Amino acid sequence: MLSSAQRFFGDLRLRMGAALSFNQKRVCLGIGLFAAVVCCANYEFGWFLSPVNAKRIMVVSFVIPVLFQHFVGPTFQEVQDYRDRERAE
């Protein structure tokens, strides 16, 4: 039996990810990862792109793509189907 929390998060994943195509999900994850890389570079090289603590922003910039991947990102089955279609062409 699934707990109520598992059902809630499973339903949330279906509702959030259903509106985006596979490539749209990949683009959104790419943007999130690019933001994370910029935040890391800001922290490491001291660019001072943000007025608040750069270390906190760096942590948040990695947490948001992970949550997005979990709830909205492409599933393993979608990735396999995409690769199979690419190989068939």
N, C-alpha and C. Protein backbone atom coordinates (compact mmCIF):
# COMPACT_ATOMS: atom_id res chain seq x y z
N MET A 1 0.83 -1.19 0.00
CA MET A 1 0.00 0.00 0.00
C MET A 1 0.87 1.24 0.00
N LEU A 2 0.48 2.22 -0.75
CA LEU A 2 1.18 3.50 -0.78
C LEU A 2 0.65 4.39 0.33
N SER A 3 1.55 5.11 0.96
CA SER A 3 1.13 6.07 1.97
C SER A 3 0.49 7.27 1.27
N SER A 4 -0.16 8.10 2.06
CA SER A 4 -0.81 9.27 1.48
C SER A 4 0.23 10.23 0.90
N ALA A 5 1.41 10.33 1.53
CA ALA A 5 2.47 11.20 1.00
C ALA A 5 2.97 10.67 -0.34
N GLN A 6 3.15 9.36 -0.47
CA GLN A 6 3.61 8.79 -1.73
C GLN A 6 2.58 9.00 -2.83
N ARG A 7 1.31 8.86 -2.51
CA ARG A 7 0.26 9.10 -3.50
C ARG A 7 0.24 10.56 -3.91
N PHE A 8 0.40 11.47 -2.92
CA PHE A 8 0.38 12.90 -3.22
C PHE A 8 1.53 13.27 -4.15
N PHE A 9 2.75 12.82 -3.82
CA PHE A 9 3.90 13.18 -4.65
C PHE A 9 3.86 12.48 -6.00
N GLY A 10 3.30 11.28 -6.07
CA GLY A 10 3.13 10.61 -7.35
C GLY A 10 2.15 11.36 -8.23
N ASP A 11 1.03 11.81 -7.64
CA ASP A 11 0.05 12.60 -8.39
C ASP A 11 0.65 13.93 -8.81
N LEU A 12 1.44 14.54 -7.94
CA LEU A 12 2.07 15.82 -8.26
C LEU A 12 3.01 15.65 -9.45
N ARG A 13 3.77 14.57 -9.47
CA ARG A 13 4.69 14.31 -10.58
C ARG A 13 3.92 14.17 -11.88
N LEU A 14 2.82 13.46 -11.86
CA LEU A 14 2.04 13.28 -13.08
C LEU A 14 1.43 14.58 -13.55
N ARG A 15 0.90 15.38 -12.64
CA ARG A 15 0.26 16.63 -13.03
C ARG A 15 1.27 17.64 -13.56
N MET A 16 2.44 17.73 -12.94
CA MET A 16 3.41 18.73 -13.35
C MET A 16 4.12 18.35 -14.64
N GLY A 17 4.41 17.07 -14.82
CA GLY A 17 5.19 16.66 -15.98
C GLY A 17 4.38 16.37 -17.22
N ALA A 18 3.07 16.28 -17.09
CA ALA A 18 2.25 15.89 -18.23
C ALA A 18 2.17 16.98 -19.30
N ALA A 19 2.35 18.23 -18.93
CA ALA A 19 2.16 19.32 -19.88
C ALA A 19 3.40 19.57 -20.75
N LEU A 20 4.53 19.01 -20.41
CA LEU A 20 5.77 19.28 -21.14
C LEU A 20 6.18 18.09 -21.99
N SER A 21 6.72 18.37 -23.16
CA SER A 21 7.26 17.30 -24.00
C SER A 21 8.63 16.89 -23.46
N PHE A 22 9.15 15.82 -24.02
CA PHE A 22 10.46 15.31 -23.58
C PHE A 22 11.55 16.37 -23.76
N ASN A 23 11.58 17.01 -24.93
CA ASN A 23 12.62 18.01 -25.18
C ASN A 23 12.44 19.26 -24.32
N GLN A 24 11.20 19.64 -24.02
CA GLN A 24 10.97 20.78 -23.12
C GLN A 24 11.48 20.48 -21.71
N LYS A 25 11.30 19.25 -21.27
CA LYS A 25 11.83 18.85 -19.96
C LYS A 25 13.35 18.93 -19.95
N ARG A 26 13.97 18.48 -21.04
CA ARG A 26 15.43 18.53 -21.13
C ARG A 26 15.94 19.96 -21.14
N VAL A 27 15.25 20.83 -21.85
CA VAL A 27 15.67 22.24 -21.90
C VAL A 27 15.56 22.88 -20.52
N CYS A 28 14.47 22.62 -19.82
CA CYS A 28 14.30 23.18 -18.47
C CYS A 28 15.40 22.69 -17.53
N LEU A 29 15.74 21.41 -17.60
CA LEU A 29 16.82 20.90 -16.77
C LEU A 29 18.16 21.51 -17.17
N GLY A 30 18.38 21.71 -18.46
CA GLY A 30 19.61 22.34 -18.93
C GLY A 30 19.76 23.76 -18.41
N ILE A 31 18.66 24.50 -18.41
CA ILE A 31 18.69 25.87 -17.89
C ILE A 31 19.03 25.86 -16.40
N GLY A 32 18.43 24.94 -15.68
CA GLY A 32 18.72 24.82 -14.24
C GLY A 32 20.17 24.46 -13.97
N LEU A 33 20.71 23.54 -14.77
CA LEU A 33 22.11 23.16 -14.58
C LEU A 33 23.05 24.29 -14.98
N PHE A 34 22.70 25.04 -16.02
CA PHE A 34 23.51 26.19 -16.40
C PHE A 34 23.53 27.22 -15.27
N ALA A 35 22.38 27.47 -14.66
CA ALA A 35 22.32 28.40 -13.53
C ALA A 35 23.18 27.90 -12.37
N ALA A 36 23.18 26.60 -12.14
CA ALA A 36 24.00 26.04 -11.06
C ALA A 36 25.49 26.24 -11.36
N VAL A 37 25.89 26.05 -12.60
CA VAL A 37 27.29 26.24 -12.97
C VAL A 37 27.70 27.70 -12.81
N VAL A 38 26.83 28.62 -13.22
CA VAL A 38 27.13 30.05 -13.05
C VAL A 38 27.25 30.40 -11.57
N CYS A 39 26.38 29.84 -10.74
CA CYS A 39 26.46 30.12 -9.30
C CYS A 39 27.75 29.56 -8.70
N CYS A 40 28.17 28.38 -9.14
CA CYS A 40 29.44 27.82 -8.66
C CYS A 40 30.62 28.69 -9.10
N ALA A 41 30.59 29.12 -10.36
CA ALA A 41 31.67 29.97 -10.84
C ALA A 41 31.67 31.30 -10.09
N ASN A 42 30.51 31.84 -9.80
CA ASN A 42 30.41 33.08 -9.03
C ASN A 42 31.06 32.90 -7.67
N TYR A 43 30.80 31.77 -7.02
CA TYR A 43 31.37 31.52 -5.70
C TYR A 43 32.88 31.29 -5.77
N GLU A 44 33.32 30.47 -6.73
CA GLU A 44 34.73 30.11 -6.81
C GLU A 44 35.61 31.28 -7.28
N PHE A 45 35.14 32.03 -8.25
CA PHE A 45 35.97 33.09 -8.83
C PHE A 45 35.71 34.47 -8.24
N GLY A 46 34.73 34.56 -7.35
CA GLY A 46 34.46 35.83 -6.69
C GLY A 46 33.95 36.91 -7.62
N TRP A 47 33.03 36.56 -8.50
CA TRP A 47 32.49 37.53 -9.44
C TRP A 47 31.53 38.51 -8.78
N PHE A 48 30.97 38.16 -7.65
CA PHE A 48 30.04 39.01 -6.90
C PHE A 48 28.83 39.41 -7.75
N LEU A 49 28.23 38.41 -8.40
CA LEU A 49 27.05 38.67 -9.23
C LEU A 49 25.79 38.87 -8.39
N SER A 50 25.83 38.43 -7.15
CA SER A 50 24.65 38.57 -6.29
C SER A 50 25.04 39.30 -5.01
N PRO A 51 24.13 40.10 -4.47
CA PRO A 51 24.45 40.88 -3.27
C PRO A 51 24.39 40.07 -1.98
N VAL A 52 23.81 38.88 -2.02
CA VAL A 52 23.70 38.06 -0.80
C VAL A 52 24.74 36.96 -0.83
N ASN A 53 24.72 36.12 0.18
CA ASN A 53 25.72 35.07 0.34
C ASN A 53 25.73 34.13 -0.86
N ALA A 54 26.85 34.05 -1.56
CA ALA A 54 26.96 33.25 -2.78
C ALA A 54 26.87 31.76 -2.48
N LYS A 55 27.33 31.34 -1.31
CA LYS A 55 27.29 29.92 -0.97
C LYS A 55 25.85 29.43 -0.83
N ARG A 56 24.99 30.23 -0.23
CA ARG A 56 23.58 29.84 -0.10
C ARG A 56 22.91 29.75 -1.46
N ILE A 57 23.19 30.70 -2.30
CA ILE A 57 22.61 30.68 -3.65
C ILE A 57 23.09 29.46 -4.42
N MET A 58 24.35 29.08 -4.24
CA MET A 58 24.89 27.91 -4.91
C MET A 58 24.16 26.65 -4.46
N VAL A 59 23.90 26.53 -3.18
CA VAL A 59 23.18 25.36 -2.67
C VAL A 59 21.76 25.31 -3.25
N VAL A 60 21.08 26.43 -3.23
CA VAL A 60 19.72 26.48 -3.76
C VAL A 60 19.71 26.18 -5.25
N SER A 61 20.74 26.66 -5.97
CA SER A 61 20.78 26.43 -7.41
C SER A 61 20.97 24.96 -7.76
N PHE A 62 21.43 24.14 -6.83
CA PHE A 62 21.52 22.71 -7.08
C PHE A 62 20.28 21.98 -6.58
N VAL A 63 19.64 22.48 -5.56
CA VAL A 63 18.45 21.83 -5.02
C VAL A 63 17.27 21.96 -5.99
N ILE A 64 17.11 23.11 -6.60
CA ILE A 64 15.96 23.33 -7.49
C ILE A 64 15.99 22.39 -8.71
N PRO A 65 17.12 22.21 -9.43
CA PRO A 65 17.11 21.25 -10.54
C PRO A 65 16.87 19.80 -10.09
N VAL A 66 17.35 19.45 -8.90
CA VAL A 66 17.12 18.10 -8.40
C VAL A 66 15.63 17.88 -8.15
N LEU A 67 14.96 18.85 -7.53
CA LEU A 67 13.52 18.73 -7.31
C LEU A 67 12.76 18.72 -8.64
N PHE A 68 13.19 19.54 -9.57
CA PHE A 68 12.55 19.57 -10.89
C PHE A 68 12.71 18.22 -11.58
N GLN A 69 13.90 17.64 -11.52
CA GLN A 69 14.13 16.33 -12.13
C GLN A 69 13.24 15.28 -11.49
N HIS A 70 13.09 15.36 -10.19
CA HIS A 70 12.28 14.36 -9.50
C HIS A 70 10.80 14.46 -9.86
N PHE A 71 10.27 15.68 -9.90
CA PHE A 71 8.84 15.84 -10.10
C PHE A 71 8.42 16.04 -11.55
N VAL A 72 9.27 16.63 -12.38
CA VAL A 72 8.86 16.99 -13.73
C VAL A 72 9.74 16.35 -14.79
N GLY A 73 10.97 16.09 -14.48
CA GLY A 73 11.93 15.64 -15.48
C GLY A 73 11.55 14.35 -16.16
N PRO A 74 12.21 14.04 -17.26
CA PRO A 74 11.89 12.82 -17.99
C PRO A 74 12.20 11.57 -17.17
N THR A 75 11.33 10.58 -17.29
CA THR A 75 11.55 9.33 -16.57
C THR A 75 12.57 8.49 -17.34
N PHE A 76 13.06 7.47 -16.68
CA PHE A 76 14.03 6.59 -17.31
C PHE A 76 13.42 5.93 -18.56
N GLN A 77 12.15 5.57 -18.48
CA GLN A 77 11.48 4.96 -19.62
C GLN A 77 11.38 5.93 -20.80
N GLU A 78 11.11 7.21 -20.53
CA GLU A 78 11.06 8.20 -21.60
C GLU A 78 12.43 8.36 -22.26
N VAL A 79 13.49 8.34 -21.48
CA VAL A 79 14.84 8.46 -22.03
C VAL A 79 15.16 7.25 -22.90
N GLN A 80 14.80 6.04 -22.42
CA GLN A 80 15.05 4.85 -23.22
C GLN A 80 14.26 4.88 -24.53
N ASP A 81 12.99 5.28 -24.47
CA ASP A 81 12.18 5.36 -25.69
C ASP A 81 12.77 6.36 -26.68
N TYR A 82 13.25 7.50 -26.17
CA TYR A 82 13.86 8.51 -27.03
C TYR A 82 15.11 7.96 -27.71
N ARG A 83 15.95 7.26 -26.96
CA ARG A 83 17.16 6.69 -27.54
C ARG A 83 16.85 5.61 -28.56
N ASP A 84 15.83 4.81 -28.26
CA ASP A 84 15.44 3.76 -29.22
C ASP A 84 14.94 4.37 -30.52
N ARG A 85 14.16 5.45 -30.45
CA ARG A 85 13.68 6.12 -31.65
C ARG A 85 14.84 6.70 -32.45
N GLU A 86 15.83 7.27 -31.74
CA GLU A 86 16.99 7.86 -32.44
C GLU A 86 17.81 6.79 -33.14
N ARG A 87 17.94 5.62 -32.54
CA ARG A 87 18.72 4.55 -33.15
C ARG A 87 17.99 3.95 -34.34
N ALA A 88 16.66 3.96 -34.30
CA ALA A 88 15.88 3.37 -35.38
C ALA A 88 15.93 4.21 -36.65
N GLU A 89 16.21 5.48 -36.52
CA GLU A 89 16.21 6.36 -37.70
C GLU A 89 17.46 6.25 -38.51
